[in-house]
Amino acid sequence: MTKIITVKLIQDILLNGFTPVSFVDEETSRRLWWSALEVIQKEFLVNHYHHGGLWVAAPLPVINEKKYLNRLKGWLWAPEGFPFTDNDRVKYLPQQQSRGQINNLKYTNNYKILNLHSKEGFKPFLMIITPNFQCVLTVIGEQNQKNLIMRSDQETLKKVIELVGMKLKQSDLGESKYFHEYLQRLGRLNVNDEFTKSFWPNVSIKLANLMPSLNLQASINEYSKKSLQNTEAKLLEALSHEVRTPLTTIRTLISSTLSKYKMEDVIRNRLIQIKNECNEQIDRFGLIFNAAELVNDESSNIQQLASINLGEILHNLSPNWSSQLERRGISLKIDIPNELPKILSNSEKLELMLSGLIDKNTRGVKAGSTLILELRLAGQKLKLQLFVQKEDFDNTSNNPKYIGSDIGPVLNWNPQTGSLQISQSATHKLITSLGGHVTQRRDTGLTVFFPISDIT
């Protein structure tokens, strides 16, 4: 009789030759998992995904960057319909949620979803294979007896790849053949010694940076202004993780439900409405995270910039913005000439920033108003201008007045609405990090200048 291969069996194999020094509780294991995912994706996979590769995960997808999903073939073992909304195991999600245009997920079909039986358990599992970077990551153990395990040695990788192939064969013979064919196309696999040596130190650093260093018994006078700012920003980073994680889980569950089950239109439309609200809040808190990260100086002030087509990005994003604004009774007008030159910026973070600007410039705007977005050539720069045309004025230069006060270096709070927004100084710093320069004057709206790329 053929032995049934389960995810739990594969996870148990990872214990061979692994001697745990200590155990951690559920919350600590989640933070370890988040930190490990960030190290893997931001510091190593980013340098090795260009030539293709594959990933296998359970019970939720943890490869979440659009550029990775577009280049890497994936397989996901997930419970039917994801029926475990109230289970805290779903908190094993990636801490960094990239935008990637949630309502236009053309790339989500890049991975195959297969059924995960409930008896296999829901402990997280991830395997990444590229020609020059491979690893297997999982969390195992019972409550308060958890361990994060990472294996990247050749012997373990060979065994796990063999077991994954056998499980795929039991789940879907066609996918098993595709898995082996794709693996052969990658050629010889070279173990990444740099990753092996630096993984755990990097995880320790990420975990340490996640925790705010705040002594409640110390006097505030003992801290410099910069230290206080860093402490507040670290708290915001941690809070943004905790807010986005359940929202992302809800969004995943809704997407699965919409695709798998038939339902009345009124129920479908309500689920879509909830999903849209989740998208907006995930984006808002993603922007807050980016601002807090800059305050902490954990990323360089100037991001890695590349040549991008800003006009094309604006056209692609405008349907989502229009839908979002229509729910508040506001219309959107886009004015972008053809054949504009490309700019230097960071496309993924710029998308998030632009959505934040749309949200920021329409808070408190009355229904019936129109948000106008113009893109023009201005010397050696492109000028992006946002301003509001109110319902009872023909003059397009009327700009909404904002009421609020800064609470720390990142956020602004409006006491009338209870709304949290990125502060003006944090907004300027974020735009600067993306290659832009912002100007904002009374009755002229918001104007951002981006340098033209000389890359052809």
Protein backbone atom coordinates (compact mmCIF):
# COMPACT_ATOMS: atom_id res chain seq x y z
CA MET A 1 0.00 0.00 0.00
CA THR A 2 1.37 3.41 -0.99
CA LYS A 3 2.24 5.64 1.94
CA ILE A 4 0.21 8.85 2.08
CA ILE A 5 2.47 11.91 2.03
CA THR A 6 1.25 14.79 4.20
CA VAL A 7 2.58 18.26 4.93
CA LYS A 8 2.99 17.15 8.54
CA LEU A 9 5.20 14.27 7.42
CA ILE A 10 7.38 16.67 5.43
CA GLN A 11 7.61 18.98 8.46
CA ASP A 12 8.62 16.06 10.67
CA ILE A 13 11.43 15.22 8.24
CA LEU A 14 12.81 18.72 8.81
CA LEU A 15 13.35 17.78 12.46
CA ASN A 16 16.00 15.22 11.50
CA GLY A 17 19.34 16.58 12.65
CA PHE A 18 17.68 19.62 14.26
CA THR A 19 18.13 19.99 18.00
CA PRO A 20 15.95 22.75 19.49
CA VAL A 21 17.75 24.88 22.06
CA SER A 22 14.55 26.32 23.49
CA PHE A 23 10.84 26.61 22.75
CA VAL A 24 8.64 29.67 22.23
CA ASP A 25 4.95 30.48 22.58
CA GLU A 26 2.44 31.06 19.78
CA GLU A 27 2.90 34.83 19.55
CA THR A 28 6.70 34.64 19.50
CA SER A 29 6.63 31.93 16.84
CA ARG A 30 4.49 34.19 14.64
CA ARG A 31 6.93 37.05 15.00
CA LEU A 32 9.79 34.69 14.17
CA TRP A 33 7.88 33.51 11.09
CA TRP A 34 7.19 37.09 9.94
CA SER A 35 10.80 38.12 10.46
CA ALA A 36 12.09 35.04 8.61
CA LEU A 37 9.78 35.72 5.65
CA GLU A 38 10.99 39.31 5.46
CA VAL A 39 14.64 38.22 5.51
CA ILE A 40 14.04 35.61 2.82
CA GLN A 41 12.03 37.82 0.48
CA LYS A 42 13.66 41.21 0.95
CA GLU A 43 17.30 40.26 1.38
CA PHE A 44 17.79 37.08 -0.68
CA LEU A 45 14.92 36.17 -2.98
CA VAL A 46 15.00 39.70 -4.38
CA ASN A 47 18.43 38.91 -5.86
CA HIS A 48 17.60 35.44 -7.21
CA TYR A 49 14.06 35.40 -8.65
CA HIS A 50 14.89 36.89 -12.05
CA HIS A 51 15.89 33.56 -13.62
CA GLY A 52 12.80 31.74 -12.42
CA GLY A 53 12.13 29.24 -9.70
CA LEU A 54 9.31 27.65 -7.75
CA TRP A 55 7.68 27.75 -4.35
CA VAL A 56 5.41 25.42 -2.40
CA ALA A 57 3.44 26.55 0.67
CA ALA A 58 0.71 25.57 3.13
CA PRO A 59 -1.87 26.47 4.39
CA LEU A 60 -1.79 30.03 3.00
CA PRO A 61 0.36 31.69 0.32
CA VAL A 62 3.25 33.56 1.89
CA ILE A 63 4.94 34.70 -1.33
CA ASN A 64 3.10 37.98 -1.71
CA GLU A 65 5.21 40.29 -3.88
CA LYS A 66 3.84 40.73 -7.41
CA LYS A 67 7.29 40.47 -8.98
CA TYR A 68 7.87 37.08 -7.33
CA LEU A 69 4.45 35.71 -8.25
CA ASN A 70 5.02 36.71 -11.86
CA ARG A 71 8.41 34.98 -12.11
CA LEU A 72 8.05 31.95 -9.84
CA LYS A 73 5.75 28.96 -10.31
CA GLY A 74 3.85 28.10 -7.14
CA TRP A 75 1.77 25.37 -5.51
CA LEU A 76 -0.40 25.97 -2.46
CA TRP A 77 -2.02 23.33 -0.27
CA ALA A 78 -4.98 25.04 1.40
CA PRO A 79 -8.11 23.83 3.21
CA GLU A 80 -11.24 23.68 1.08
CA GLY A 81 -12.81 27.15 1.17
CA PHE A 82 -10.33 28.27 3.86
CA PRO A 83 -12.93 27.47 6.59
CA PHE A 84 -10.93 28.53 9.61
CA THR A 85 -11.60 32.25 9.96
CA ASP A 86 -11.68 32.14 13.76
CA ASN A 87 -8.56 30.02 14.08
CA ASP A 88 -5.51 31.98 15.20
CA ARG A 89 -3.34 29.77 13.02
CA VAL A 90 -4.23 32.06 10.11
CA LYS A 91 -2.06 34.72 11.75
CA TYR A 92 0.95 33.01 10.21
CA LEU A 93 0.82 35.47 7.35
CA PRO A 94 3.57 37.62 5.85
CA GLN A 95 4.09 40.88 7.67
CA GLN A 96 4.62 42.97 4.55
CA GLN A 97 1.64 43.15 2.19
CA SER A 98 2.48 44.70 -1.13
CA ARG A 99 -0.15 46.46 -3.20
CA GLY A 100 0.00 44.88 -6.63
CA GLN A 101 -3.51 46.13 -7.53
CA ILE A 102 -5.77 43.88 -5.48
CA ASN A 103 -8.76 44.23 -7.78
CA ASN A 104 -6.75 43.37 -10.88
CA LEU A 105 -4.87 40.26 -9.78
CA LYS A 106 -3.88 38.87 -13.16
CA TYR A 107 -0.89 37.19 -11.54
CA THR A 108 -2.76 35.17 -8.93
CA ASN A 109 -3.24 32.34 -11.43
CA ASN A 110 0.51 31.78 -11.33
CA TYR A 111 0.09 29.26 -8.55
CA LYS A 112 -2.01 26.13 -8.31
CA ILE A 113 -4.26 25.64 -5.28
CA LEU A 114 -4.58 22.03 -4.07
CA ASN A 115 -6.68 20.60 -1.25
CA LEU A 116 -5.16 20.32 2.23
CA HIS A 117 -6.87 17.81 4.51
CA SER A 118 -7.65 19.05 8.00
CA LYS A 119 -5.81 16.06 9.53
CA GLU A 120 -2.56 17.39 8.08
CA GLY A 121 -2.68 20.36 10.42
CA PHE A 122 -2.32 24.03 9.62
CA LYS A 123 1.24 24.76 10.69
CA PRO A 124 2.91 27.02 8.12
CA PHE A 125 5.27 25.59 5.52
CA LEU A 126 7.27 27.18 2.69
CA MET A 127 9.81 25.82 0.22
CA ILE A 128 11.60 28.08 -2.27
CA ILE A 129 13.79 26.71 -5.05
CA THR A 130 15.80 28.87 -7.48
CA PRO A 131 19.08 27.97 -9.21
CA ASN A 132 21.21 29.84 -6.66
CA PHE A 133 18.96 30.16 -3.62
CA GLN A 134 16.92 27.49 -1.86
CA CYS A 135 15.41 27.05 1.58
CA VAL A 136 12.64 25.30 3.49
CA LEU A 137 10.88 27.13 6.33
CA THR A 138 8.29 25.92 8.81
CA VAL A 139 6.94 26.32 12.35
CA ILE A 140 6.30 23.10 14.27
CA GLY A 141 5.41 22.13 17.83
CA GLU A 142 2.43 22.34 20.14
CA GLN A 143 1.24 25.34 22.11
CA ASN A 144 4.09 27.06 23.98
CA GLN A 145 6.45 24.44 22.51
CA LYS A 146 6.98 26.02 19.08
CA ASN A 147 10.10 26.16 16.95
CA LEU A 148 10.95 27.96 13.72
CA ILE A 149 12.97 25.63 11.48
CA MET A 150 14.94 26.69 8.42
CA ARG A 151 16.86 24.12 6.39
CA SER A 152 18.97 24.85 3.32
CA ASP A 153 21.44 21.96 3.27
CA GLN A 154 21.62 19.83 0.14
CA GLU A 155 20.59 16.54 1.77
CA THR A 156 17.45 17.98 3.38
CA LEU A 157 16.47 19.89 0.25
CA LYS A 158 16.76 16.73 -1.84
CA LYS A 159 14.55 14.79 0.57
CA VAL A 160 11.92 17.54 0.86
CA ILE A 161 11.78 18.03 -2.93
CA GLU A 162 11.25 14.27 -3.31
CA LEU A 163 8.43 14.24 -0.74
CA VAL A 164 6.77 17.34 -2.23
CA GLY A 165 6.86 15.65 -5.64
CA MET A 166 5.26 12.52 -4.19
CA LYS A 167 2.53 14.54 -2.46
CA LEU A 168 1.83 16.44 -5.68
CA LYS A 169 1.52 13.11 -7.49
CA GLN A 170 -1.07 11.98 -4.94
CA SER A 171 -2.93 15.30 -5.23
CA ASP A 172 -2.74 15.88 -9.00
CA LEU A 173 -0.72 13.77 -11.42
CA GLY A 174 -0.56 16.54 -14.00
CA GLU A 175 0.81 19.04 -11.50
CA SER A 176 3.38 16.47 -10.34
CA LYS A 177 4.71 16.10 -13.89
CA TYR A 178 4.80 19.88 -14.31
CA PHE A 179 6.63 20.24 -10.99
CA HIS A 180 9.40 17.82 -12.06
CA GLU A 181 9.66 19.33 -15.54
CA TYR A 182 9.95 22.82 -14.10
CA LEU A 183 12.53 21.62 -11.58
CA GLN A 184 14.64 20.11 -14.35
CA ARG A 185 14.50 23.38 -16.28
CA LEU A 186 16.15 25.15 -13.35
CA GLY A 187 19.25 23.01 -13.84
CA ARG A 188 21.82 22.43 -11.16
CA LEU A 189 20.98 23.88 -7.77
CA ASN A 190 23.78 25.71 -5.97
CA VAL A 191 23.49 26.01 -2.19
CA ASN A 192 23.70 29.64 -1.08
CA ASP A 193 26.34 29.67 1.67
CA GLU A 194 25.84 33.39 2.36
CA PHE A 195 22.18 32.77 3.18
CA THR A 196 23.02 29.81 5.41
CA LYS A 197 25.49 31.87 7.44
CA SER A 198 23.49 35.08 7.78
CA PHE A 199 19.87 33.89 8.02
CA TRP A 200 19.61 33.54 11.80
CA PRO A 201 21.58 36.73 12.62
CA ASN A 202 19.35 38.65 10.19
CA VAL A 203 16.19 37.18 11.72
CA SER A 204 17.43 38.22 15.18
CA ILE A 205 18.00 41.76 13.94
CA LYS A 206 14.55 41.96 12.35
CA LEU A 207 12.93 40.62 15.49
CA ALA A 208 14.83 43.06 17.69
CA ASN A 209 13.89 46.01 15.48
CA LEU A 210 10.24 44.98 15.64
CA MET A 211 10.12 45.38 19.39
CA PRO A 212 10.03 48.95 20.71
CA SER A 213 12.60 49.73 23.38
CA LEU A 214 10.41 51.57 25.87
CA ASN A 215 11.09 51.64 29.61
CA LEU A 216 7.85 52.67 31.29
CA GLN A 217 9.67 53.64 34.49
CA ALA A 218 12.05 56.00 32.75
CA SER A 219 11.43 59.70 32.60
CA ILE A 220 10.60 61.19 29.21
CA ASN A 221 13.38 63.69 29.80
CA GLU A 222 15.86 60.85 29.45
CA TYR A 223 14.98 60.40 25.82
CA SER A 224 16.02 62.68 22.99
CA LYS A 225 13.40 63.74 20.48
CA LYS A 226 14.86 61.32 17.93
CA SER A 227 14.67 58.40 20.35
CA LEU A 228 11.01 59.14 21.04
CA GLN A 229 10.28 59.34 17.33
CA ASN A 230 11.98 56.00 16.73
CA THR A 231 10.03 54.40 19.57
CA GLU A 232 6.71 55.69 18.23
CA ALA A 233 7.60 54.58 14.72
CA LYS A 234 8.52 51.09 15.90
CA LEU A 235 5.17 50.82 17.66
CA LEU A 236 3.43 51.85 14.43
CA GLU A 237 5.34 49.23 12.46
CA ALA A 238 4.26 46.51 14.89
CA LEU A 239 0.65 47.75 14.98
CA SER A 240 0.46 47.91 11.19
CA HIS A 241 1.46 44.24 11.06
CA GLU A 242 -1.27 43.31 13.53
CA VAL A 243 -3.93 45.31 11.66
CA ARG A 244 -3.09 44.11 8.15
CA THR A 245 -2.77 40.43 9.08
CA PRO A 246 -6.48 39.75 9.91
CA LEU A 247 -7.61 42.04 7.08
CA THR A 248 -5.51 40.09 4.61
CA THR A 249 -6.92 36.84 5.94
CA ILE A 250 -10.49 38.15 5.56
CA ARG A 251 -9.70 39.28 2.01
CA THR A 252 -8.26 35.84 1.15
CA LEU A 253 -11.32 34.08 2.58
CA ILE A 254 -13.70 36.34 0.64
CA SER A 255 -11.78 35.82 -2.63
CA SER A 256 -11.92 32.06 -2.12
CA THR A 257 -15.64 32.16 -1.32
CA LEU A 258 -16.44 34.30 -4.37
CA SER A 259 -14.56 31.97 -6.70
CA LYS A 260 -15.77 28.65 -5.28
CA TYR A 261 -19.44 29.13 -4.40
CA LYS A 262 -22.61 30.27 -6.12
CA MET A 263 -24.67 32.86 -4.28
CA GLU A 264 -27.30 35.50 -4.74
CA ASP A 265 -26.15 38.80 -6.28
CA VAL A 266 -26.97 40.77 -3.15
CA ILE A 267 -24.69 38.54 -1.06
CA ARG A 268 -21.95 38.58 -3.70
CA ASN A 269 -22.06 42.37 -3.92
CA ARG A 270 -21.89 42.69 -0.13
CA LEU A 271 -18.82 40.42 -0.01
CA ILE A 272 -17.18 42.45 -2.77
CA GLN A 273 -17.91 45.62 -0.78
CA ILE A 274 -16.26 44.13 2.33
CA LYS A 275 -13.28 43.02 0.25
CA ASN A 276 -12.89 46.54 -1.18
CA GLU A 277 -12.94 48.02 2.31
CA CYS A 278 -10.23 45.54 3.38
CA ASN A 279 -8.13 46.54 0.34
CA GLU A 280 -8.31 50.21 1.26
CA GLN A 281 -7.34 49.67 4.88
CA ILE A 282 -4.50 47.28 3.98
CA ASP A 283 -3.14 49.96 1.65
CA ARG A 284 -3.50 52.71 4.26
CA PHE A 285 -1.66 50.75 6.91
CA GLY A 286 0.92 49.63 4.38
CA LEU A 287 1.64 53.30 3.73
CA ILE A 288 1.87 53.96 7.47
CA PHE A 289 4.38 51.10 7.73
CA ASN A 290 6.53 52.61 4.95
CA ALA A 291 6.49 55.99 6.68
CA ALA A 292 7.43 54.47 10.03
CA GLU A 293 10.22 52.51 8.35
CA LEU A 294 11.71 55.73 6.98
CA VAL A 295 11.51 57.42 10.37
CA ASN A 296 13.41 54.48 11.84
CA ASP A 297 16.04 54.82 9.10
CA GLU A 298 15.65 51.09 8.48
CA SER A 299 15.58 51.77 4.74
CA SER A 300 17.62 54.26 2.82
CA ASN A 301 16.16 57.70 2.31
CA ILE A 302 16.26 57.17 -1.45
CA GLN A 303 14.83 53.86 -2.62
CA GLN A 304 16.23 51.87 -5.53
CA LEU A 305 14.76 53.79 -8.46
CA ALA A 306 14.05 52.51 -11.93
CA SER A 307 12.63 53.86 -15.19
CA ILE A 308 8.81 53.59 -15.13
CA ASN A 309 5.85 54.88 -17.13
CA LEU A 310 3.91 57.07 -14.71
CA GLY A 311 1.07 57.73 -17.17
CA GLU A 312 0.49 54.02 -17.64
CA ILE A 313 0.50 53.44 -13.88
CA LEU A 314 -2.08 56.19 -13.37
CA HIS A 315 -4.33 54.79 -16.10
CA ASN A 316 -4.12 51.29 -14.59
CA LEU A 317 -4.91 52.52 -11.08
CA SER A 318 -7.72 54.94 -12.03
CA PRO A 319 -10.54 52.34 -12.26
CA ASN A 320 -9.93 51.28 -8.66
CA TRP A 321 -9.72 54.89 -7.51
CA SER A 322 -12.93 55.78 -9.36
CA SER A 323 -14.76 52.89 -7.71
CA GLN A 324 -13.40 53.87 -4.29
CA LEU A 325 -14.36 57.54 -4.69
CA GLU A 326 -17.80 56.77 -6.13
CA ARG A 327 -18.72 55.10 -2.85
CA ARG A 328 -18.20 58.51 -1.23
CA GLY A 329 -20.03 60.42 -3.99
CA ILE A 330 -16.84 61.86 -5.50
CA SER A 331 -15.92 61.60 -9.18
CA LEU A 332 -12.42 61.32 -10.62
CA LYS A 333 -11.11 63.07 -13.73
CA ILE A 334 -7.77 61.99 -15.25
CA ASP A 335 -5.96 64.30 -17.69
CA ILE A 336 -2.82 62.63 -19.07
CA PRO A 337 -1.33 63.46 -22.51
CA ASN A 338 0.07 60.71 -24.70
CA GLU A 339 3.78 60.07 -25.29
CA LEU A 340 5.10 61.42 -22.00
CA PRO A 341 8.67 60.43 -21.04
CA LYS A 342 9.34 57.90 -18.27
CA ILE A 343 10.34 58.90 -14.75
CA LEU A 344 12.70 57.52 -12.13
CA SER A 345 10.90 56.01 -9.13
CA ASN A 346 9.96 52.75 -7.38
CA SER A 347 6.82 51.42 -9.07
CA GLU A 348 5.41 49.25 -6.27
CA LYS A 349 5.87 51.77 -3.46
CA LEU A 350 4.79 54.60 -5.77
CA GLU A 351 1.45 52.85 -6.40
CA LEU A 352 0.85 52.70 -2.66
CA MET A 353 1.91 56.32 -2.23
CA LEU A 354 -0.37 57.56 -5.02
CA SER A 355 -3.34 55.76 -3.51
CA GLY A 356 -2.49 57.40 -0.20
CA LEU A 357 -2.45 60.82 -1.85
CA ILE A 358 -5.87 60.18 -3.41
CA ASP A 359 -7.25 59.20 -0.01
CA LYS A 360 -5.57 62.10 1.79
CA ASN A 361 -6.82 64.72 -0.69
CA THR A 362 -10.44 63.56 -0.61
CA ARG A 363 -11.00 63.14 3.13
CA GLY A 364 -13.65 65.63 4.18
CA VAL A 365 -14.56 66.50 0.56
CA LYS A 366 -18.30 66.79 0.06
CA ALA A 367 -20.23 64.42 -2.19
CA GLY A 368 -20.67 65.83 -5.70
CA SER A 369 -17.10 67.14 -5.89
CA THR A 370 -14.56 66.05 -8.49
CA LEU A 371 -10.94 65.12 -7.89
CA ILE A 372 -8.85 66.20 -10.87
CA LEU A 373 -5.51 64.54 -11.57
CA GLU A 374 -3.26 66.11 -14.20
CA LEU A 375 0.11 64.98 -15.53
CA ARG A 376 2.23 67.42 -17.53
CA LEU A 377 5.77 67.82 -18.82
CA ALA A 378 7.63 70.55 -16.88
CA GLY A 379 11.18 70.94 -18.18
CA GLN A 380 13.23 67.92 -17.14
CA LYS A 381 10.46 66.71 -14.83
CA LEU A 382 6.90 65.45 -14.95
CA LYS A 383 4.41 67.44 -12.89
CA LEU A 384 1.61 65.51 -11.20
CA GLN A 385 -1.10 67.76 -9.80
CA LEU A 386 -4.13 66.82 -7.69
CA PHE A 387 -6.87 69.31 -6.85
CA VAL A 388 -10.57 69.29 -6.04
CA GLN A 389 -13.36 70.93 -8.01
CA LYS A 390 -16.21 71.47 -5.59
CA GLU A 391 -19.82 70.94 -6.59
CA ASP A 392 -20.80 74.60 -6.24
CA PHE A 393 -17.71 76.16 -7.87
CA ASP A 394 -16.44 76.33 -11.46
CA ASN A 395 -13.01 77.37 -10.25
CA THR A 396 -10.87 74.19 -10.21
CA SER A 397 -8.32 75.63 -7.81
CA ASN A 398 -10.41 75.23 -4.68
CA ASN A 399 -8.66 72.91 -2.29
CA PRO A 400 -10.27 71.24 0.74
CA LYS A 401 -9.21 72.45 4.14
CA TYR A 402 -7.81 69.86 6.50
CA ILE A 403 -8.38 69.92 10.21
CA GLY A 404 -6.11 67.85 12.39
CA SER A 405 -2.93 67.71 14.37
CA ASP A 406 0.21 65.60 14.15
CA ILE A 407 0.54 62.83 16.72
CA GLY A 408 4.16 61.80 16.52
CA PRO A 409 6.41 61.87 13.46
CA VAL A 410 4.17 59.77 11.19
CA LEU A 411 0.45 60.33 11.77
CA ASN A 412 -2.06 63.16 11.67
CA TRP A 413 -5.37 62.80 13.52
CA ASN A 414 -8.60 64.56 12.62
CA PRO A 415 -10.65 64.85 15.85
CA GLN A 416 -13.85 65.63 13.90
CA THR A 417 -13.87 62.36 11.97
CA GLY A 418 -11.46 60.22 13.98
CA SER A 419 -9.51 59.64 10.77
CA LEU A 420 -5.79 58.84 10.83
CA GLN A 421 -3.66 60.08 7.94
CA ILE A 422 0.02 60.21 7.11
CA SER A 423 1.31 63.55 8.41
CA GLN A 424 2.45 66.21 5.96
CA SER A 425 6.11 65.83 6.91
CA ALA A 426 5.93 62.04 6.58
CA THR A 427 4.20 62.42 3.21
CA HIS A 428 6.97 64.68 1.96
CA LYS A 429 9.63 62.29 3.20
CA LEU A 430 7.97 59.32 1.50
CA ILE A 431 7.65 61.14 -1.81
CA THR A 432 11.27 62.26 -1.60
CA SER A 433 12.37 58.66 -1.05
CA LEU A 434 10.56 57.78 -4.30
CA GLY A 435 12.41 60.42 -6.29
CA GLY A 436 9.71 63.10 -6.13
CA HIS A 437 9.48 66.66 -4.83
CA VAL A 438 6.19 67.91 -3.41
CA THR A 439 4.78 71.42 -3.18
CA GLN A 440 1.51 72.36 -1.53
CA ARG A 441 0.12 75.87 -1.37
CA ARG A 442 -3.23 77.26 -0.33
CA ASP A 443 -5.88 76.92 -3.08
CA THR A 444 -3.54 75.16 -5.53
CA GLY A 445 -3.89 71.55 -4.42
CA LEU A 446 -0.95 69.17 -4.29
CA THR A 447 1.83 69.11 -6.89
CA VAL A 448 4.54 66.47 -7.16
CA PHE A 449 7.52 66.70 -9.51
CA PHE A 450 9.30 63.53 -10.68
CA PRO A 451 12.66 63.49 -12.49
CA ILE A 452 12.59 62.26 -16.08
CA SER A 453 14.55 59.09 -16.69
CA ASP A 454 17.35 59.26 -19.22
CA ILE A 455 17.19 55.45 -19.62
CA THR A 456 15.86 54.52 -23.02
